[in-house]
Amino acid sequence: MITIAFSSHRAEIIPLARQIMEQHQIIVLEEPPHPNFADMLNGYLSIADYLMEIDIEFPEFDRMMCNEARRLHQQGKKLSQIEPYLERLLKIHEYFAEGMTPVDVLNMADLNAVYLAEKSATGALINFYARSMEKDFKQVIESVKTFATADARRSKLRSKLRAGAITTLDTTKKIYVESGYIHYPLYRYLLHDFKGNQNIRAVYLMQPVFTKLGCKRRNMGPGDILTLYYALNLNIKKDLANLLAARSLIYTQLIETQEMLPDPINMTPHSLDEALVNKLVDRLGFEDCKTLYSEIRFKNRQESWDVVKSYVRSKSKHY
């Protein structure tokens, strides 16, 4: 059996992940292989020193996951770092540092697809940043959709490469696969690669929390929803794509990007924050987003919250 555990890299997911990981013999982490990973697992290298060697976005989450990895390793479980896309991307960066050119990389069969996908997504993101400074809201929306399309292609490639690597594991054992929400194509690729010869299930770790909070769409933001439409090759009407793109501009201004840790009062701070933001932006139409974006794009998070909440309250009074 293969369990794909969809979640985000937040400290609050670890208790729920632990319950399911303990039911499996092989744990597949969503990260490229590191030469000192085994030393960290065996205690020859401290977790603090190990984390200093890798690129981390959420320090506390990574520290806690390393502790979990050690504990699972001591129980005799096999932990594997499998993320071929990022592994190849690191190689590309190393080659560039050694003086190689893009042409050199494009001539490498195992790297050219990753290079092109990353170049496309990065270029689309830079274009979005440039457009976001302009007053033409429709052009900003088009740049959001262009980036979502490029990001979807990148996500599909990551998932395809990762699925291929997972199929080489010992499938007579129960396998737990860590995965971000945006990489749902991984589930489809694994179904395809195993051709019905393996029991594959998708689990959303935070679903009990999302249900309690009354969340929609797995508590995913509008930008991720738009990207998933493209990644899964789903038909999406232009008006809905434009609306999701517009809402994503407001969502990114309101969401807390700094790592928050659980406490006795709020055990799931990121899930709650995302739920509150989603419930607010779900009340906004395209024209609402257009009006608000011009007002908040240069404001900080708290100032943006105040503006959007005031706008929604004022709008509600007219109905």
C-alpha atoms as a PDB file:
ATOM      1  CA  MET A   1       0.000   0.000   0.000  1.00  0.00           C
ATOM      2  CA  ILE A   2       1.160   3.514  -0.831  1.00  0.00           C
ATOM      3  CA  THR A   3      -0.246   6.433   1.138  1.00  0.00           C
ATOM      4  CA  ILE A   4       0.236   9.905  -0.336  1.00  0.00           C
ATOM      5  CA  ALA A   5      -0.111  12.323   2.565  1.00  0.00           C
ATOM      6  CA  PHE A   6      -0.986  15.763   1.229  1.00  0.00           C
ATOM      7  CA  SER A   7      -0.165  18.627   3.562  1.00  0.00           C
ATOM      8  CA  SER A   8       1.925  21.767   3.914  1.00  0.00           C
ATOM      9  CA  HIS A   9       5.257  22.226   5.665  1.00  0.00           C
ATOM     10  CA  ARG A  10       3.817  23.492   8.930  1.00  0.00           C
ATOM     11  CA  ALA A  11       4.621  22.421  12.470  1.00  0.00           C
ATOM     12  CA  GLU A  12       0.928  21.838  13.160  1.00  0.00           C
ATOM     13  CA  ILE A  13       0.732  18.888  10.754  1.00  0.00           C
ATOM     14  CA  ILE A  14       3.385  16.818  12.502  1.00  0.00           C
ATOM     15  CA  PRO A  15       1.157  15.167  15.158  1.00  0.00           C
ATOM     16  CA  LEU A  16      -1.258  14.053  12.421  1.00  0.00           C
ATOM     17  CA  ALA A  17       1.570  12.925  10.136  1.00  0.00           C
ATOM     18  CA  ARG A  18       3.143  10.943  12.978  1.00  0.00           C
ATOM     19  CA  GLN A  19       0.012   8.835  13.433  1.00  0.00           C
ATOM     20  CA  ILE A  20       0.065   7.722   9.794  1.00  0.00           C
ATOM     21  CA  MET A  21       3.830   7.444   9.342  1.00  0.00           C
ATOM     22  CA  GLU A  22       3.999   4.943  12.198  1.00  0.00           C
ATOM     23  CA  GLN A  23       1.702   2.634  10.206  1.00  0.00           C
ATOM     24  CA  HIS A  24       4.231   2.380   7.334  1.00  0.00           C
ATOM     25  CA  GLN A  25       7.635   0.786   6.880  1.00  0.00           C
ATOM     26  CA  ILE A  26       9.043   3.209   4.292  1.00  0.00           C
ATOM     27  CA  ILE A  27       8.807   6.991   4.694  1.00  0.00           C
ATOM     28  CA  VAL A  28       9.392   9.065   1.556  1.00  0.00           C
ATOM     29  CA  LEU A  29      10.267  12.677   2.293  1.00  0.00           C
ATOM     30  CA  GLU A  30       9.643  15.494  -0.167  1.00  0.00           C
ATOM     31  CA  GLU A  31      13.224  16.710  -0.412  1.00  0.00           C
ATOM     32  CA  PRO A  32      16.332  16.009  -2.470  1.00  0.00           C
ATOM     33  CA  PRO A  33      18.912  13.564  -1.067  1.00  0.00           C
ATOM     34  CA  HIS A  34      21.570  15.074   1.186  1.00  0.00           C
ATOM     35  CA  PRO A  35      24.921  13.321   1.784  1.00  0.00           C
ATOM     36  CA  ASN A  36      24.718  13.903   5.544  1.00  0.00           C
ATOM     37  CA  PHE A  37      21.146  12.710   6.000  1.00  0.00           C
ATOM     38  CA  ALA A  38      22.191   9.281   7.280  1.00  0.00           C
ATOM     39  CA  ASP A  39      24.634  10.821   9.764  1.00  0.00           C
ATOM     40  CA  MET A  40      21.838  13.034  11.084  1.00  0.00           C
ATOM     41  CA  LEU A  41      19.492  10.059  11.434  1.00  0.00           C
ATOM     42  CA  ASN A  42      22.110   8.047  13.326  1.00  0.00           C
ATOM     43  CA  GLY A  43      23.038  10.930  15.619  1.00  0.00           C
ATOM     44  CA  TYR A  44      26.557  11.378  14.260  1.00  0.00           C
ATOM     45  CA  LEU A  45      25.593  14.890  13.146  1.00  0.00           C
ATOM     46  CA  SER A  46      23.427  17.203  15.206  1.00  0.00           C
ATOM     47  CA  ILE A  47      20.116  18.331  13.773  1.00  0.00           C
ATOM     48  CA  ALA A  48      21.180  21.965  14.122  1.00  0.00           C
ATOM     49  CA  ASP A  49      24.366  21.363  12.117  1.00  0.00           C
ATOM     50  CA  TYR A  50      22.469  19.360   9.505  1.00  0.00           C
ATOM     51  CA  LEU A  51      19.887  22.105   9.007  1.00  0.00           C
ATOM     52  CA  MET A  52      22.651  24.665   8.521  1.00  0.00           C
ATOM     53  CA  GLU A  53      23.692  22.740   5.404  1.00  0.00           C
ATOM     54  CA  ILE A  54      20.317  22.788   3.657  1.00  0.00           C
ATOM     55  CA  ASP A  55      17.970  25.452   2.351  1.00  0.00           C
ATOM     56  CA  ILE A  56      15.040  25.687   4.760  1.00  0.00           C
ATOM     57  CA  GLU A  57      11.957  27.894   4.644  1.00  0.00           C
ATOM     58  CA  PHE A  58      10.311  26.862   7.911  1.00  0.00           C
ATOM     59  CA  PRO A  59      13.088  26.252  10.476  1.00  0.00           C
ATOM     60  CA  GLU A  60      10.912  24.945  13.295  1.00  0.00           C
ATOM     61  CA  PHE A  61       9.027  22.557  11.034  1.00  0.00           C
ATOM     62  CA  ASP A  62      12.277  21.181   9.635  1.00  0.00           C
ATOM     63  CA  ARG A  63      13.767  20.791  13.111  1.00  0.00           C
ATOM     64  CA  MET A  64      10.699  18.920  14.324  1.00  0.00           C
ATOM     65  CA  MET A  65      10.618  16.717  11.218  1.00  0.00           C
ATOM     66  CA  CYS A  66      14.264  15.804  11.727  1.00  0.00           C
ATOM     67  CA  ASN A  67      13.408  14.701  15.266  1.00  0.00           C
ATOM     68  CA  GLU A  68      10.530  12.623  13.878  1.00  0.00           C
ATOM     69  CA  ALA A  69      12.819  11.133  11.227  1.00  0.00           C
ATOM     70  CA  ARG A  70      15.326  10.087  13.886  1.00  0.00           C
ATOM     71  CA  ARG A  71      12.625   8.508  16.006  1.00  0.00           C
ATOM     72  CA  LEU A  72      11.196   6.583  13.054  1.00  0.00           C
ATOM     73  CA  HIS A  73      14.690   5.482  12.028  1.00  0.00           C
ATOM     74  CA  GLN A  74      15.284   4.116  15.515  1.00  0.00           C
ATOM     75  CA  GLN A  75      12.074   2.088  15.123  1.00  0.00           C
ATOM     76  CA  GLY A  76      13.610   0.399  12.083  1.00  0.00           C
ATOM     77  CA  LYS A  77      11.713   2.304   9.413  1.00  0.00           C
ATOM     78  CA  LYS A  78      13.466   3.229   6.172  1.00  0.00           C
ATOM     79  CA  LEU A  79      13.507   6.946   5.364  1.00  0.00           C
ATOM     80  CA  SER A  80      14.155   8.062   1.798  1.00  0.00           C
ATOM     81  CA  GLN A  81      14.619  11.561   0.416  1.00  0.00           C
ATOM     82  CA  ILE A  82      13.026  11.478  -3.029  1.00  0.00           C
ATOM     83  CA  GLU A  83      12.602  14.647  -5.069  1.00  0.00           C
ATOM     84  CA  PRO A  84      14.321  14.144  -8.464  1.00  0.00           C
ATOM     85  CA  TYR A  85      13.260  17.524  -9.847  1.00  0.00           C
ATOM     86  CA  LEU A  86      14.930  19.472  -7.044  1.00  0.00           C
ATOM     87  CA  GLU A  87      17.903  17.110  -7.126  1.00  0.00           C
ATOM     88  CA  ARG A  88      18.427  17.914 -10.801  1.00  0.00           C
ATOM     89  CA  LEU A  89      17.840  21.616 -10.216  1.00  0.00           C
ATOM     90  CA  LEU A  90      20.635  21.604  -7.638  1.00  0.00           C
ATOM     91  CA  LYS A  91      22.914  19.945 -10.195  1.00  0.00           C
ATOM     92  CA  ILE A  92      22.084  22.679 -12.700  1.00  0.00           C
ATOM     93  CA  HIS A  93      23.039  25.361 -10.176  1.00  0.00           C
ATOM     94  CA  GLU A  94      26.285  23.531  -9.450  1.00  0.00           C
ATOM     95  CA  TYR A  95      27.113  23.298 -13.143  1.00  0.00           C
ATOM     96  CA  PHE A  96      26.461  27.003 -13.615  1.00  0.00           C
ATOM     97  CA  ALA A  97      28.734  27.744 -10.657  1.00  0.00           C
ATOM     98  CA  GLU A  98      31.433  25.696 -12.397  1.00  0.00           C
ATOM     99  CA  GLY A  99      31.151  27.853 -15.516  1.00  0.00           C
ATOM    100  CA  MET A 100      28.794  25.830 -17.676  1.00  0.00           C
ATOM    101  CA  THR A 101      26.293  27.642 -19.904  1.00  0.00           C
ATOM    102  CA  PRO A 102      22.560  27.089 -20.485  1.00  0.00           C
ATOM    103  CA  VAL A 103      23.449  25.509 -23.824  1.00  0.00           C
ATOM    104  CA  ASP A 104      25.610  22.956 -21.999  1.00  0.00           C
ATOM    105  CA  VAL A 105      22.737  22.080 -19.676  1.00  0.00           C
ATOM    106  CA  LEU A 106      20.227  21.848 -22.529  1.00  0.00           C
ATOM    107  CA  ASN A 107      22.455  19.227 -24.126  1.00  0.00           C
ATOM    108  CA  MET A 108      22.136  17.022 -21.018  1.00  0.00           C
ATOM    109  CA  ALA A 109      19.172  14.704 -21.520  1.00  0.00           C
ATOM    110  CA  ASP A 110      18.464  14.292 -17.805  1.00  0.00           C
ATOM    111  CA  LEU A 111      18.533  18.025 -17.060  1.00  0.00           C
ATOM    112  CA  ASN A 112      17.104  19.911 -20.018  1.00  0.00           C
ATOM    113  CA  ALA A 113      13.425  19.395 -19.148  1.00  0.00           C
ATOM    114  CA  VAL A 114      13.980  20.635 -15.594  1.00  0.00           C
ATOM    115  CA  TYR A 115      15.946  23.634 -16.846  1.00  0.00           C
ATOM    116  CA  LEU A 116      13.232  24.600 -19.327  1.00  0.00           C
ATOM    117  CA  ALA A 117      10.426  24.181 -16.771  1.00  0.00           C
ATOM    118  CA  GLU A 118      12.255  26.252 -14.173  1.00  0.00           C
ATOM    119  CA  LYS A 119      13.180  28.921 -16.710  1.00  0.00           C
ATOM    120  CA  SER A 120       9.571  29.203 -17.863  1.00  0.00           C
ATOM    121  CA  ALA A 121       8.162  29.466 -14.323  1.00  0.00           C
ATOM    122  CA  THR A 122      10.826  31.931 -13.193  1.00  0.00           C
ATOM    123  CA  GLY A 123      10.307  34.076 -16.282  1.00  0.00           C
ATOM    124  CA  ALA A 124       6.544  34.101 -15.733  1.00  0.00           C
ATOM    125  CA  LEU A 125       7.042  35.111 -12.104  1.00  0.00           C
ATOM    126  CA  ILE A 126       9.364  37.964 -13.064  1.00  0.00           C
ATOM    127  CA  ASN A 127       6.814  39.089 -15.636  1.00  0.00           C
ATOM    128  CA  PHE A 128       4.119  39.077 -12.951  1.00  0.00           C
ATOM    129  CA  TYR A 129       6.234  41.245 -10.655  1.00  0.00           C
ATOM    130  CA  ALA A 130       6.767  43.694 -13.510  1.00  0.00           C
ATOM    131  CA  ARG A 131       3.071  43.760 -14.415  1.00  0.00           C
ATOM    132  CA  SER A 132       2.036  44.141 -10.782  1.00  0.00           C
ATOM    133  CA  MET A 133       3.581  47.603 -10.762  1.00  0.00           C
ATOM    134  CA  GLU A 134       1.316  48.733 -13.599  1.00  0.00           C
ATOM    135  CA  LYS A 135      -2.223  50.097 -13.394  1.00  0.00           C
ATOM    136  CA  ASP A 136      -3.722  47.824 -16.037  1.00  0.00           C
ATOM    137  CA  PHE A 137      -5.484  45.241 -13.855  1.00  0.00           C
ATOM    138  CA  LYS A 138      -6.323  42.967 -16.789  1.00  0.00           C
ATOM    139  CA  GLN A 139      -2.639  42.697 -17.664  1.00  0.00           C
ATOM    140  CA  VAL A 140      -1.861  41.816 -14.045  1.00  0.00           C
ATOM    141  CA  ILE A 141      -4.524  39.080 -14.173  1.00  0.00           C
ATOM    142  CA  GLU A 142      -3.095  37.699 -17.414  1.00  0.00           C
ATOM    143  CA  SER A 143       0.360  37.564 -15.833  1.00  0.00           C
ATOM    144  CA  VAL A 144      -1.060  35.645 -12.857  1.00  0.00           C
ATOM    145  CA  LYS A 145      -2.640  33.083 -15.181  1.00  0.00           C
ATOM    146  CA  THR A 146       0.552  32.801 -17.219  1.00  0.00           C
ATOM    147  CA  PHE A 147       2.536  32.073 -14.078  1.00  0.00           C
ATOM    148  CA  ALA A 148      -0.063  29.567 -12.857  1.00  0.00           C
ATOM    149  CA  THR A 149       0.177  27.771 -16.198  1.00  0.00           C
ATOM    150  CA  ALA A 150       3.981  27.618 -16.053  1.00  0.00           C
ATOM    151  CA  ASP A 151       3.890  26.569 -12.413  1.00  0.00           C
ATOM    152  CA  ALA A 152       1.429  23.803 -13.296  1.00  0.00           C
ATOM    153  CA  ARG A 153       3.782  22.455 -15.970  1.00  0.00           C
ATOM    154  CA  ARG A 154       6.622  22.516 -13.448  1.00  0.00           C
ATOM    155  CA  SER A 155       4.452  20.749 -10.847  1.00  0.00           C
ATOM    156  CA  LYS A 156       3.489  18.034 -13.337  1.00  0.00           C
ATOM    157  CA  LEU A 157       7.122  17.393 -14.211  1.00  0.00           C
ATOM    158  CA  ARG A 158       8.083  17.237 -10.527  1.00  0.00           C
ATOM    159  CA  SER A 159       5.287  14.769  -9.874  1.00  0.00           C
ATOM    160  CA  LYS A 160       6.118  12.632 -12.910  1.00  0.00           C
ATOM    161  CA  LEU A 161       9.792  12.358 -11.970  1.00  0.00           C
ATOM    162  CA  ARG A 162       8.949  11.642  -8.358  1.00  0.00           C
ATOM    163  CA  ALA A 163       6.411   8.968  -9.251  1.00  0.00           C
ATOM    164  CA  GLY A 164       9.005   7.230 -11.399  1.00  0.00           C
ATOM    165  CA  ALA A 165      11.467   7.168  -8.508  1.00  0.00           C
ATOM    166  CA  ILE A 166       8.856   5.880  -6.054  1.00  0.00           C
ATOM    167  CA  THR A 167       8.045   2.930  -8.313  1.00  0.00           C
ATOM    168  CA  THR A 168      11.579   1.609  -7.722  1.00  0.00           C
ATOM    169  CA  LEU A 169      10.944   1.154  -3.986  1.00  0.00           C
ATOM    170  CA  ASP A 170      10.048  -2.126  -2.290  1.00  0.00           C
ATOM    171  CA  THR A 171       6.294  -2.118  -2.802  1.00  0.00           C
ATOM    172  CA  THR A 172       5.828  -5.206  -0.660  1.00  0.00           C
ATOM    173  CA  LYS A 173       6.167  -2.745   2.240  1.00  0.00           C
ATOM    174  CA  LYS A 174       3.730  -0.009   3.252  1.00  0.00           C
ATOM    175  CA  ILE A 175       5.018   3.296   1.864  1.00  0.00           C
ATOM    176  CA  TYR A 176       4.213   6.772   3.197  1.00  0.00           C
ATOM    177  CA  VAL A 177       4.812   9.616   0.734  1.00  0.00           C
ATOM    178  CA  GLU A 178       5.041  13.215   1.935  1.00  0.00           C
ATOM    179  CA  SER A 179       3.603  15.643  -0.633  1.00  0.00           C
ATOM    180  CA  GLY A 180       2.462  19.240  -0.889  1.00  0.00           C
ATOM    181  CA  TYR A 181      -1.156  19.936  -1.876  1.00  0.00           C
ATOM    182  CA  ILE A 182      -0.155  21.440  -5.204  1.00  0.00           C
ATOM    183  CA  HIS A 183       1.427  18.164  -6.308  1.00  0.00           C
ATOM    184  CA  TYR A 184      -1.810  16.199  -6.617  1.00  0.00           C
ATOM    185  CA  PRO A 185      -0.716  15.013 -10.114  1.00  0.00           C
ATOM    186  CA  LEU A 186       1.624  12.675  -8.209  1.00  0.00           C
ATOM    187  CA  TYR A 187      -1.416  10.563  -7.326  1.00  0.00           C
ATOM    188  CA  ARG A 188      -2.402  10.267 -10.983  1.00  0.00           C
ATOM    189  CA  TYR A 189       1.122   9.438 -12.126  1.00  0.00           C
ATOM    190  CA  LEU A 190       1.462   6.701  -9.522  1.00  0.00           C
ATOM    191  CA  LEU A 191      -1.872   5.197 -10.560  1.00  0.00           C
ATOM    192  CA  HIS A 192      -0.650   5.201 -14.148  1.00  0.00           C
ATOM    193  CA  ASP A 193       2.802   3.820 -13.406  1.00  0.00           C
ATOM    194  CA  PHE A 194       1.548   0.948 -11.245  1.00  0.00           C
ATOM    195  CA  LYS A 195      -1.277   0.107 -13.682  1.00  0.00           C
ATOM    196  CA  GLY A 196      -3.630  -1.028 -10.937  1.00  0.00           C
ATOM    197  CA  ASN A 197      -1.093  -3.346  -9.339  1.00  0.00           C
ATOM    198  CA  GLN A 198      -0.764  -1.324  -6.159  1.00  0.00           C
ATOM    199  CA  ASN A 199      -3.217   0.021  -3.585  1.00  0.00           C
ATOM    200  CA  ILE A 200      -2.674   3.797  -3.683  1.00  0.00           C
ATOM    201  CA  ARG A 201      -4.604   6.155  -1.451  1.00  0.00           C
ATOM    202  CA  ALA A 202      -4.561   9.916  -0.994  1.00  0.00           C
ATOM    203  CA  VAL A 203      -4.883  11.315   2.535  1.00  0.00           C
ATOM    204  CA  TYR A 204      -5.278  14.971   3.484  1.00  0.00           C
ATOM    205  CA  LEU A 205      -3.603  15.196   6.875  1.00  0.00           C
ATOM    206  CA  MET A 206      -5.395  18.325   7.998  1.00  0.00           C
ATOM    207  CA  GLN A 207      -8.860  17.331   6.768  1.00  0.00           C
ATOM    208  CA  PRO A 208     -10.276  16.812  10.305  1.00  0.00           C
ATOM    209  CA  VAL A 209      -9.136  20.351  11.136  1.00  0.00           C
ATOM    210  CA  PHE A 210     -10.468  21.757   7.844  1.00  0.00           C
ATOM    211  CA  THR A 211     -13.840  20.115   8.426  1.00  0.00           C
ATOM    212  CA  LYS A 212     -14.065  21.578  11.913  1.00  0.00           C
ATOM    213  CA  LEU A 213     -13.200  25.028  10.566  1.00  0.00           C
ATOM    214  CA  GLY A 214     -15.828  24.735   7.834  1.00  0.00           C
ATOM    215  CA  CYS A 215     -13.247  25.121   5.057  1.00  0.00           C
ATOM    216  CA  LYS A 216     -13.841  24.665   1.348  1.00  0.00           C
ATOM    217  CA  ARG A 217     -11.468  23.245  -1.281  1.00  0.00           C
ATOM    218  CA  ARG A 218      -9.113  21.617   1.260  1.00  0.00           C
ATOM    219  CA  ASN A 219      -8.469  25.127   2.628  1.00  0.00           C
ATOM    220  CA  MET A 220      -6.355  25.914  -0.443  1.00  0.00           C
ATOM    221  CA  GLY A 221      -5.930  29.472  -1.635  1.00  0.00           C
ATOM    222  CA  PRO A 222      -7.361  30.671  -4.971  1.00  0.00           C
ATOM    223  CA  GLY A 223      -3.938  30.747  -6.634  1.00  0.00           C
ATOM    224  CA  ASP A 224      -3.288  27.091  -5.817  1.00  0.00           C
ATOM    225  CA  ILE A 225      -6.771  26.151  -7.007  1.00  0.00           C
ATOM    226  CA  LEU A 226      -6.109  27.871 -10.324  1.00  0.00           C
ATOM    227  CA  THR A 227      -2.766  26.102 -10.679  1.00  0.00           C
ATOM    228  CA  LEU A 228      -4.397  22.735  -9.965  1.00  0.00           C
ATOM    229  CA  TYR A 229      -6.981  23.336 -12.681  1.00  0.00           C
ATOM    230  CA  TYR A 230      -4.118  23.699 -15.141  1.00  0.00           C
ATOM    231  CA  ALA A 231      -2.001  20.883 -13.675  1.00  0.00           C
ATOM    232  CA  LEU A 232      -4.904  18.424 -13.864  1.00  0.00           C
ATOM    233  CA  ASN A 233      -5.896  19.580 -17.369  1.00  0.00           C
ATOM    234  CA  LEU A 234      -9.370  20.498 -16.171  1.00  0.00           C
ATOM    235  CA  ASN A 235     -11.599  22.749 -18.239  1.00  0.00           C
ATOM    236  CA  ILE A 236     -11.999  26.113 -16.593  1.00  0.00           C
ATOM    237  CA  LYS A 237     -14.139  28.969 -17.854  1.00  0.00           C
ATOM    238  CA  LYS A 238     -12.327  32.227 -18.498  1.00  0.00           C
ATOM    239  CA  ASP A 239     -14.438  34.113 -15.963  1.00  0.00           C
ATOM    240  CA  LEU A 240     -13.612  31.626 -13.196  1.00  0.00           C
ATOM    241  CA  ALA A 241      -9.900  31.674 -14.072  1.00  0.00           C
ATOM    242  CA  ASN A 242      -9.931  35.469 -13.961  1.00  0.00           C
ATOM    243  CA  LEU A 243     -11.790  35.459 -10.637  1.00  0.00           C
ATOM    244  CA  LEU A 244      -9.374  32.997  -9.018  1.00  0.00           C
ATOM    245  CA  ALA A 245      -6.418  35.016 -10.314  1.00  0.00           C
ATOM    246  CA  ALA A 246      -7.933  38.232  -8.959  1.00  0.00           C
ATOM    247  CA  ARG A 247      -8.693  36.700  -5.569  1.00  0.00           C
ATOM    248  CA  SER A 248      -5.153  35.316  -5.375  1.00  0.00           C
ATOM    249  CA  LEU A 249      -3.803  38.882  -5.530  1.00  0.00           C
ATOM    250  CA  ILE A 250      -5.811  39.787  -2.441  1.00  0.00           C
ATOM    251  CA  TYR A 251      -5.107  36.461  -0.719  1.00  0.00           C
ATOM    252  CA  THR A 252      -1.325  36.888  -0.930  1.00  0.00           C
ATOM    253  CA  GLN A 253      -1.603  40.309   0.688  1.00  0.00           C
ATOM    254  CA  LEU A 254      -3.560  38.922   3.637  1.00  0.00           C
ATOM    255  CA  ILE A 255      -1.998  35.540   4.372  1.00  0.00           C
ATOM    256  CA  GLU A 256       0.604  35.146   7.125  1.00  0.00           C
ATOM    257  CA  THR A 257       3.862  34.029   5.529  1.00  0.00           C
ATOM    258  CA  GLN A 258       5.953  33.824   8.700  1.00  0.00           C
ATOM    259  CA  GLU A 259       6.146  30.483  10.478  1.00  0.00           C
ATOM    260  CA  MET A 260       3.620  30.192  13.296  1.00  0.00           C
ATOM    261  CA  LEU A 261       3.823  27.535  15.993  1.00  0.00           C
ATOM    262  CA  PRO A 262       0.974  25.701  17.731  1.00  0.00           C
ATOM    263  CA  ASP A 263       0.136  26.668  21.293  1.00  0.00           C
ATOM    264  CA  PRO A 264      -2.467  25.461  23.825  1.00  0.00           C
ATOM    265  CA  ILE A 265      -4.939  28.097  22.643  1.00  0.00           C
ATOM    266  CA  ASN A 266      -4.487  27.541  18.907  1.00  0.00           C
ATOM    267  CA  MET A 267      -3.016  24.203  17.827  1.00  0.00           C
ATOM    268  CA  THR A 268      -3.416  24.926  14.107  1.00  0.00           C
ATOM    269  CA  PRO A 269      -2.543  28.617  13.565  1.00  0.00           C
ATOM    270  CA  HIS A 270      -1.757  28.397   9.841  1.00  0.00           C
ATOM    271  CA  SER A 271      -4.901  26.427   9.041  1.00  0.00           C
ATOM    272  CA  LEU A 272      -7.012  28.941  10.933  1.00  0.00           C
ATOM    273  CA  ASP A 273      -5.302  31.892   9.260  1.00  0.00           C
ATOM    274  CA  GLU A 274      -5.783  30.374   5.807  1.00  0.00           C
ATOM    275  CA  ALA A 275      -9.427  29.597   6.591  1.00  0.00           C
ATOM    276  CA  LEU A 276     -10.115  33.173   7.661  1.00  0.00           C
ATOM    277  CA  VAL A 277      -8.440  34.604   4.556  1.00  0.00           C
ATOM    278  CA  ASN A 278     -10.250  32.185   2.241  1.00  0.00           C
ATOM    279  CA  LYS A 279     -13.626  32.969   3.772  1.00  0.00           C
ATOM    280  CA  LEU A 280     -12.960  36.666   3.279  1.00  0.00           C
ATOM    281  CA  VAL A 281     -11.713  36.549  -0.317  1.00  0.00           C
ATOM    282  CA  ASP A 282     -14.515  34.146  -1.286  1.00  0.00           C
ATOM    283  CA  ARG A 283     -16.858  37.085  -0.793  1.00  0.00           C
ATOM    284  CA  LEU A 284     -15.069  39.174  -3.405  1.00  0.00           C
ATOM    285  CA  GLY A 285     -16.018  39.426  -7.053  1.00  0.00           C
ATOM    286  CA  PHE A 286     -13.651  40.367  -9.869  1.00  0.00           C
ATOM    287  CA  GLU A 287     -14.447  44.085  -9.686  1.00  0.00           C
ATOM    288  CA  ASP A 288     -14.100  44.007  -5.885  1.00  0.00           C
ATOM    289  CA  CYS A 289     -10.589  42.577  -6.260  1.00  0.00           C
ATOM    290  CA  LYS A 290      -9.742  45.204  -8.871  1.00  0.00           C
ATOM    291  CA  THR A 291     -10.780  47.989  -6.509  1.00  0.00           C
ATOM    292  CA  LEU A 292      -9.033  46.504  -3.499  1.00  0.00           C
ATOM    293  CA  TYR A 293      -5.805  45.608  -5.296  1.00  0.00           C
ATOM    294  CA  SER A 294      -5.146  49.213  -6.197  1.00  0.00           C
ATOM    295  CA  GLU A 295      -5.609  50.145  -2.535  1.00  0.00           C
ATOM    296  CA  ILE A 296      -3.577  47.442  -0.797  1.00  0.00           C
ATOM    297  CA  ARG A 297      -0.781  46.338  -3.141  1.00  0.00           C
ATOM    298  CA  PHE A 298       1.780  48.567  -1.407  1.00  0.00           C
ATOM    299  CA  LYS A 299       0.433  48.084   2.125  1.00  0.00           C
ATOM    300  CA  ASN A 300       1.619  45.634   4.768  1.00  0.00           C
ATOM    301  CA  ARG A 301      -0.429  42.641   5.864  1.00  0.00           C
ATOM    302  CA  GLN A 302      -2.250  44.298   8.766  1.00  0.00           C
ATOM    303  CA  GLU A 303      -3.081  47.413   6.776  1.00  0.00           C
ATOM    304  CA  SER A 304      -4.395  45.226   3.968  1.00  0.00           C
ATOM    305  CA  TRP A 305      -6.558  43.258   6.400  1.00  0.00           C
ATOM    306  CA  ASP A 306      -8.101  46.471   7.721  1.00  0.00           C
ATOM    307  CA  VAL A 307      -8.880  47.737   4.221  1.00  0.00           C
ATOM    308  CA  VAL A 308     -10.400  44.470   2.977  1.00  0.00           C
ATOM    309  CA  LYS A 309     -12.508  43.864   6.101  1.00  0.00           C
ATOM    310  CA  SER A 310     -13.803  47.422   6.001  1.00  0.00           C
ATOM    311  CA  TYR A 311     -14.641  47.040   2.320  1.00  0.00           C
ATOM    312  CA  VAL A 312     -16.521  43.758   2.852  1.00  0.00           C
ATOM    313  CA  ARG A 313     -18.481  45.207   5.792  1.00  0.00           C
ATOM    314  CA  SER A 314     -19.411  48.255   3.773  1.00  0.00           C
ATOM    315  CA  LYS A 315     -20.449  46.091   0.830  1.00  0.00           C
ATOM    316  CA  SER A 316     -22.613  43.873   3.049  1.00  0.00           C
ATOM    317  CA  LYS A 317     -24.620  46.868   4.270  1.00  0.00           C
ATOM    318  CA  HIS A 318     -25.852  47.467   0.733  1.00  0.00           C
ATOM    319  CA  TYR A 319     -27.569  44.074   0.524  1.00  0.00           C
END
